[in-house]
Amino acid sequence: MSQLYAMGTTPTEPGATAPNPLLSLLVVIFGLFYFLFIRPQQKQAKEREKLLKDLKEGDKVVLVSGVYAVVDKVEDETTLRLKIADGVLVKAARTAVERVQA
């Protein structure tokens, strides 16, 4: 018995089950999947939500359609009035804004 301890292995008790290596592999794969895909996507969603929430008059924006505009007025939490040319104002949803230009 002492030789087994010296060799680094422990004797198994009768009726004891060995850990399932497939289960361990699944846990590792799920962990990698979470840290490589789910977590970054959640971070991007929070950043986009903050960007849309912080829109204010005078911000230069690019819409999802590729149209460049300036925020003329923030009408409510879902709608913006945008100026796309002199004398041309359009209403757009906040979610239509892809990015804010510097």
C-alpha atoms as a PDB file:
ATOM      1  CA  MET A   1       0.000   0.000   0.000  1.00  0.00           C
ATOM      2  CA  SER A   2       2.798   2.450   0.822  1.00  0.00           C
ATOM      3  CA  GLN A   3       4.396   1.807  -2.576  1.00  0.00           C
ATOM      4  CA  LEU A   4       1.221   3.001  -4.287  1.00  0.00           C
ATOM      5  CA  TYR A   5       1.304   6.285  -2.376  1.00  0.00           C
ATOM      6  CA  ALA A   6       4.977   6.690  -3.231  1.00  0.00           C
ATOM      7  CA  MET A   7       4.163   6.199  -6.931  1.00  0.00           C
ATOM      8  CA  GLY A   8       1.598   9.009  -6.780  1.00  0.00           C
ATOM      9  CA  THR A   9      -1.491   6.912  -7.334  1.00  0.00           C
ATOM     10  CA  THR A  10      -4.220   6.335  -4.844  1.00  0.00           C
ATOM     11  CA  PRO A  11      -6.028   3.057  -4.638  1.00  0.00           C
ATOM     12  CA  THR A  12      -9.672   3.254  -5.590  1.00  0.00           C
ATOM     13  CA  GLU A  13     -12.245   2.215  -3.088  1.00  0.00           C
ATOM     14  CA  PRO A  14     -14.670  -0.493  -4.114  1.00  0.00           C
ATOM     15  CA  GLY A  15     -17.760   1.095  -5.638  1.00  0.00           C
ATOM     16  CA  ALA A  16     -16.078   4.473  -6.296  1.00  0.00           C
ATOM     17  CA  THR A  17     -16.489   5.865  -9.805  1.00  0.00           C
ATOM     18  CA  ALA A  18     -13.757   7.621 -11.725  1.00  0.00           C
ATOM     19  CA  PRO A  19     -14.461  11.166 -12.952  1.00  0.00           C
ATOM     20  CA  ASN A  20     -15.867  11.255 -16.466  1.00  0.00           C
ATOM     21  CA  PRO A  21     -13.263  12.810 -18.820  1.00  0.00           C
ATOM     22  CA  LEU A  22     -15.967  13.665 -21.358  1.00  0.00           C
ATOM     23  CA  LEU A  23     -17.758  15.834 -18.798  1.00  0.00           C
ATOM     24  CA  SER A  24     -14.528  17.638 -17.980  1.00  0.00           C
ATOM     25  CA  LEU A  25     -13.910  18.244 -21.670  1.00  0.00           C
ATOM     26  CA  LEU A  26     -17.418  19.675 -22.106  1.00  0.00           C
ATOM     27  CA  VAL A  27     -16.896  22.062 -19.197  1.00  0.00           C
ATOM     28  CA  VAL A  28     -13.615  23.279 -20.696  1.00  0.00           C
ATOM     29  CA  ILE A  29     -15.205  23.743 -24.142  1.00  0.00           C
ATOM     30  CA  PHE A  30     -18.116  25.699 -22.661  1.00  0.00           C
ATOM     31  CA  GLY A  31     -15.685  27.900 -20.735  1.00  0.00           C
ATOM     32  CA  LEU A  32     -13.705  28.666 -23.874  1.00  0.00           C
ATOM     33  CA  PHE A  33     -16.893  29.316 -25.841  1.00  0.00           C
ATOM     34  CA  TYR A  34     -18.083  31.750 -23.158  1.00  0.00           C
ATOM     35  CA  PHE A  35     -14.842  33.718 -22.977  1.00  0.00           C
ATOM     36  CA  LEU A  36     -14.233  33.780 -26.745  1.00  0.00           C
ATOM     37  CA  PHE A  37     -17.755  34.488 -28.031  1.00  0.00           C
ATOM     38  CA  ILE A  38     -20.447  35.292 -25.471  1.00  0.00           C
ATOM     39  CA  ARG A  39     -18.569  37.700 -23.203  1.00  0.00           C
ATOM     40  CA  PRO A  40     -17.161  39.933 -25.993  1.00  0.00           C
ATOM     41  CA  GLN A  41     -20.576  40.089 -27.647  1.00  0.00           C
ATOM     42  CA  GLN A  42     -22.188  41.213 -24.373  1.00  0.00           C
ATOM     43  CA  LYS A  43     -19.496  43.879 -24.001  1.00  0.00           C
ATOM     44  CA  GLN A  44     -20.150  45.192 -27.528  1.00  0.00           C
ATOM     45  CA  ALA A  45     -23.896  45.293 -26.877  1.00  0.00           C
ATOM     46  CA  LYS A  46     -23.366  47.370 -23.719  1.00  0.00           C
ATOM     47  CA  GLU A  47     -21.052  49.776 -25.571  1.00  0.00           C
ATOM     48  CA  ARG A  48     -23.594  50.197 -28.387  1.00  0.00           C
ATOM     49  CA  GLU A  49     -26.406  50.770 -25.888  1.00  0.00           C
ATOM     50  CA  LYS A  50     -24.330  53.464 -24.175  1.00  0.00           C
ATOM     51  CA  LEU A  51     -23.485  55.079 -27.535  1.00  0.00           C
ATOM     52  CA  LEU A  52     -27.161  55.279 -28.501  1.00  0.00           C
ATOM     53  CA  LYS A  53     -28.181  56.538 -25.074  1.00  0.00           C
ATOM     54  CA  ASP A  54     -25.561  59.320 -25.086  1.00  0.00           C
ATOM     55  CA  LEU A  55     -26.558  60.834 -28.458  1.00  0.00           C
ATOM     56  CA  LYS A  56     -27.084  64.579 -28.264  1.00  0.00           C
ATOM     57  CA  GLU A  57     -27.772  67.510 -30.593  1.00  0.00           C
ATOM     58  CA  GLY A  58     -24.857  68.324 -32.861  1.00  0.00           C
ATOM     59  CA  ASP A  59     -23.368  64.804 -32.925  1.00  0.00           C
ATOM     60  CA  LYS A  60     -22.192  63.720 -36.362  1.00  0.00           C
ATOM     61  CA  VAL A  61     -23.414  60.193 -37.018  1.00  0.00           C
ATOM     62  CA  VAL A  62     -23.324  57.531 -39.709  1.00  0.00           C
ATOM     63  CA  LEU A  63     -26.485  55.512 -40.146  1.00  0.00           C
ATOM     64  CA  VAL A  64     -26.614  51.786 -40.851  1.00  0.00           C
ATOM     65  CA  SER A  65     -27.605  52.658 -44.432  1.00  0.00           C
ATOM     66  CA  GLY A  66     -24.388  54.663 -44.873  1.00  0.00           C
ATOM     67  CA  VAL A  67     -26.000  58.102 -44.719  1.00  0.00           C
ATOM     68  CA  TYR A  68     -23.979  60.779 -42.928  1.00  0.00           C
ATOM     69  CA  ALA A  69     -26.055  63.113 -40.758  1.00  0.00           C
ATOM     70  CA  VAL A  70     -26.012  65.511 -37.831  1.00  0.00           C
ATOM     71  CA  VAL A  71     -28.390  65.079 -34.892  1.00  0.00           C
ATOM     72  CA  ASP A  72     -30.725  68.095 -35.035  1.00  0.00           C
ATOM     73  CA  LYS A  73     -32.981  67.103 -32.148  1.00  0.00           C
ATOM     74  CA  VAL A  74     -33.433  64.159 -29.793  1.00  0.00           C
ATOM     75  CA  GLU A  75     -37.217  63.722 -29.837  1.00  0.00           C
ATOM     76  CA  ASP A  76     -37.570  60.853 -27.360  1.00  0.00           C
ATOM     77  CA  GLU A  77     -35.730  57.693 -26.303  1.00  0.00           C
ATOM     78  CA  THR A  78     -36.375  55.985 -29.653  1.00  0.00           C
ATOM     79  CA  THR A  79     -36.519  58.773 -32.257  1.00  0.00           C
ATOM     80  CA  LEU A  80     -34.048  61.339 -33.577  1.00  0.00           C
ATOM     81  CA  ARG A  81     -34.445  64.189 -36.037  1.00  0.00           C
ATOM     82  CA  LEU A  82     -31.417  64.243 -38.319  1.00  0.00           C
ATOM     83  CA  LYS A  83     -30.108  66.864 -40.712  1.00  0.00           C
ATOM     84  CA  ILE A  84     -28.644  65.207 -43.805  1.00  0.00           C
ATOM     85  CA  ALA A  85     -28.322  68.354 -45.958  1.00  0.00           C
ATOM     86  CA  ASP A  86     -29.204  72.046 -45.760  1.00  0.00           C
ATOM     87  CA  GLY A  87     -32.956  72.209 -45.236  1.00  0.00           C
ATOM     88  CA  VAL A  88     -33.357  68.412 -45.287  1.00  0.00           C
ATOM     89  CA  LEU A  89     -34.495  66.914 -41.966  1.00  0.00           C
ATOM     90  CA  VAL A  90     -35.505  63.292 -41.477  1.00  0.00           C
ATOM     91  CA  LYS A  91     -36.756  61.259 -38.553  1.00  0.00           C
ATOM     92  CA  ALA A  92     -34.844  58.098 -37.734  1.00  0.00           C
ATOM     93  CA  ALA A  93     -34.793  55.500 -35.009  1.00  0.00           C
ATOM     94  CA  ARG A  94     -31.849  55.630 -32.629  1.00  0.00           C
ATOM     95  CA  THR A  95     -31.073  52.051 -33.553  1.00  0.00           C
ATOM     96  CA  ALA A  96     -30.388  53.213 -37.136  1.00  0.00           C
ATOM     97  CA  VAL A  97     -27.207  54.924 -35.914  1.00  0.00           C
ATOM     98  CA  GLU A  98     -24.171  52.763 -36.559  1.00  0.00           C
ATOM     99  CA  ARG A  99     -21.470  55.037 -35.145  1.00  0.00           C
ATOM    100  CA  VAL A 100     -20.693  58.552 -34.015  1.00  0.00           C
ATOM    101  CA  GLN A 101     -17.966  60.411 -35.867  1.00  0.00           C
ATOM    102  CA  ALA A 102     -15.317  62.357 -33.986  1.00  0.00           C
END
